[in-house]
Protein backbone atom coordinates (compact mmCIF):
# COMPACT_ATOMS: atom_id res chain seq x y z
CA MET A 1 95.16 100.16 62.61
CA PHE A 2 96.32 101.77 59.37
CA ASP A 3 92.93 103.41 58.72
CA ILE A 4 92.79 102.36 55.05
CA GLY A 5 89.56 103.25 53.27
CA GLY A 6 87.94 101.69 50.19
CA PRO A 7 89.72 103.67 47.46
CA GLU A 8 93.14 103.21 49.11
CA PHE A 9 92.58 99.45 49.36
CA VAL A 10 91.62 99.18 45.68
CA PHE A 11 94.75 101.16 44.75
CA LEU A 12 96.97 98.81 46.82
CA VAL A 13 95.41 95.68 45.21
CA ILE A 14 96.00 97.06 41.68
CA LEU A 15 99.57 98.06 42.60
CA ALA A 16 100.29 94.57 44.05
CA LEU A 17 98.80 92.94 40.91
CA LEU A 18 101.08 95.00 38.68
CA VAL A 19 104.22 94.43 40.79
CA PHE A 20 103.87 90.70 41.61
CA GLY A 21 101.75 89.48 38.71
CA PRO A 22 98.58 87.40 38.67
CA GLN A 23 100.37 84.05 39.25
CA ARG A 24 102.23 85.02 42.46
CA LEU A 25 99.51 87.24 44.00
CA PRO A 26 97.36 84.38 45.52
CA ALA A 27 100.43 82.73 47.12
CA LEU A 28 101.57 86.10 48.45
CA GLY A 29 98.08 86.73 49.88
CA ARG A 30 98.14 83.35 51.66
CA GLN A 31 101.58 84.10 53.12
CA LEU A 32 100.47 87.54 54.24
CA GLY A 33 97.29 86.08 55.80
CA GLY A 34 99.32 83.37 57.59
CA PHE A 35 101.76 85.99 58.88
CA MET A 36 98.91 88.15 60.18
CA ALA A 37 97.32 85.11 61.90
CA GLN A 38 100.64 84.27 63.55
CA MET A 39 101.02 87.87 64.73
CA ARG A 40 97.46 87.84 66.11
CA ASN A 41 98.14 84.54 67.94
CA ALA A 42 101.42 85.88 69.35
CA LEU A 43 99.67 89.03 70.56
CA THR A 44 96.90 86.97 72.19
CA GLU A 45 99.46 84.73 73.90
CA PHE A 46 101.39 87.77 75.09
CA LYS A 47 98.23 89.27 76.58
CA LYS A 48 97.40 85.99 78.35
CA THR A 49 100.93 85.74 79.76
CA LEU A 50 100.84 89.35 80.91
CA ASP A 51 97.45 88.81 82.59
CA ARG A 52 98.79 85.68 84.34
CA GLU A 53 101.85 87.55 85.59
CA VAL A 54 99.75 90.45 86.86
CA ALA A 55 97.38 88.02 88.59
CA ALA A 56 100.35 86.19 90.14
CA GLU A 57 101.77 89.49 91.39
CA ASP A 58 98.38 90.43 92.84
CA MET A 59 98.24 87.05 94.57
CA LYS A 60 101.72 87.59 96.03
CA THR A 61 100.71 91.02 97.30
CA ALA A 62 97.51 89.61 98.81
CA ALA A 63 99.50 86.80 100.45
CA GLU A 64 101.93 89.31 101.97
CA ASP A 65 99.01 91.39 103.25
CA MET A 66 97.49 88.27 104.80
CA LYS A 67 100.80 87.35 106.44
CA GLN A 68 101.07 90.86 107.89
CA ALA A 69 97.51 90.66 109.21
CA VAL A 70 98.23 87.26 110.80
CA ARG A 71 101.38 88.67 112.43
CA SER A 72 99.36 91.61 113.79
CA VAL A 73 96.71 89.29 115.21
CA GLN A 74 99.39 87.08 116.76
CA ASP A 75 101.03 90.12 118.35
CA LEU A 76 97.68 91.27 119.75
CA ARG A 77 96.99 87.78 121.05
CA ARG A 78 100.41 87.61 122.71
CA ASP A 79 99.89 91.06 124.26
CA ALA A 80 96.43 90.09 125.51
CA GLY A 81 97.85 86.88 127.00
CA SER A 82 100.59 88.85 128.71
CA VAL A 83 98.11 91.31 130.21
CA ALA A 84 95.82 88.48 131.32
CA ARG A 85 98.75 86.66 132.93
CA ASP A 86 99.81 89.85 134.72
CA ILE A 87 96.27 90.39 135.96
CA LEU A 88 96.03 86.82 137.23
CA LEU A 89 99.41 87.10 138.96
CA GLY A 90 98.31 90.36 140.53
CA THR A 91 100.88 92.70 139.06
CA ASP A 92 99.77 96.28 139.25
CA HIS A 93 98.54 97.57 135.90
CA PRO A 94 96.22 100.54 135.58
CA SER A 95 92.85 99.07 134.80
CA PRO A 96 89.94 100.93 133.24
CA THR A 97 87.95 100.67 136.49
CA LYS A 98 90.79 102.14 138.54
CA GLN A 99 91.11 104.95 136.05
CA SER A 100 87.39 105.69 136.18
CA GLU A 101 87.45 105.57 139.99
CA SER A 102 90.28 108.08 140.02
CA LEU A 103 88.25 110.32 137.71
CA ASP A 104 85.23 110.03 140.02
CA ALA A 105 87.38 110.87 143.05
CA ARG A 106 88.29 114.30 141.70
CA SER A 107 86.71 117.32 143.24
CA PRO A 108 83.93 119.11 141.36
CA GLN A 109 86.18 122.12 140.91
CA ASP A 110 88.85 119.95 139.19
CA ALA A 111 86.22 118.44 136.91
CA ALA A 112 84.88 121.90 136.10
CA ASP A 113 88.40 123.14 135.36
CA ASP A 114 88.99 120.22 132.98
CA SER A 115 85.73 120.72 131.13
CA GLY A 116 86.01 124.51 131.11
CA GLU A 117 82.75 125.00 133.01
CA ALA A 118 82.19 126.08 136.60
CA SER A 119 80.17 123.87 138.88
CA THR A 120 77.14 125.78 140.14
CA SER A 121 74.96 122.92 141.30
CA GLY A 122 74.83 121.61 144.81
CA ASP A 123 76.53 118.35 143.83
CA ALA A 124 79.73 119.28 145.64
CA SER A 125 78.72 117.36 148.72
CA VAL A 126 77.90 114.26 146.65
CA ASP A 127 81.28 114.27 144.90
CA GLY A 128 82.97 115.15 148.16
CA ASP A 129 81.31 112.09 149.77
CA ARG A 130 82.95 109.87 147.16
CA GLU A 131 86.36 111.16 148.21
CA HIS A 132 85.65 110.77 151.92
CA PRO A 133 83.09 108.03 152.52
CA GLU A 134 83.49 108.32 156.30
CA LYS A 135 81.90 111.81 156.21
CA ARG A 136 78.55 110.41 155.06
CA SER A 137 75.81 110.56 157.61
């Protein structure tokens, strides 16, 4: 802390002996030692209190994160229930199968335009048959 070496310490002891005298020096040393012990204990208690407060704050943050996650799950559950109820009641919602059927019903030229490639295979009649099933022979 103070970075006192051997010679400096010896100098301080001789100086204290000259200033306070040999009778008062042991009592002064005990008082100084007791003061240092109290300071050390106070510092340790402060560190423990600080660690407890930080841990409590971390727990509060984790609890808030959990509450937010629970709210998100509840919202998803409510949305899923709403969609399921709408499906059971027959309200018209675009379903993934209807969307894929609409993609399959496109002409090969539209699909080629979307992908950036031209259709050169003879699959035009197959895709065309999907659009008009009555043309199949």
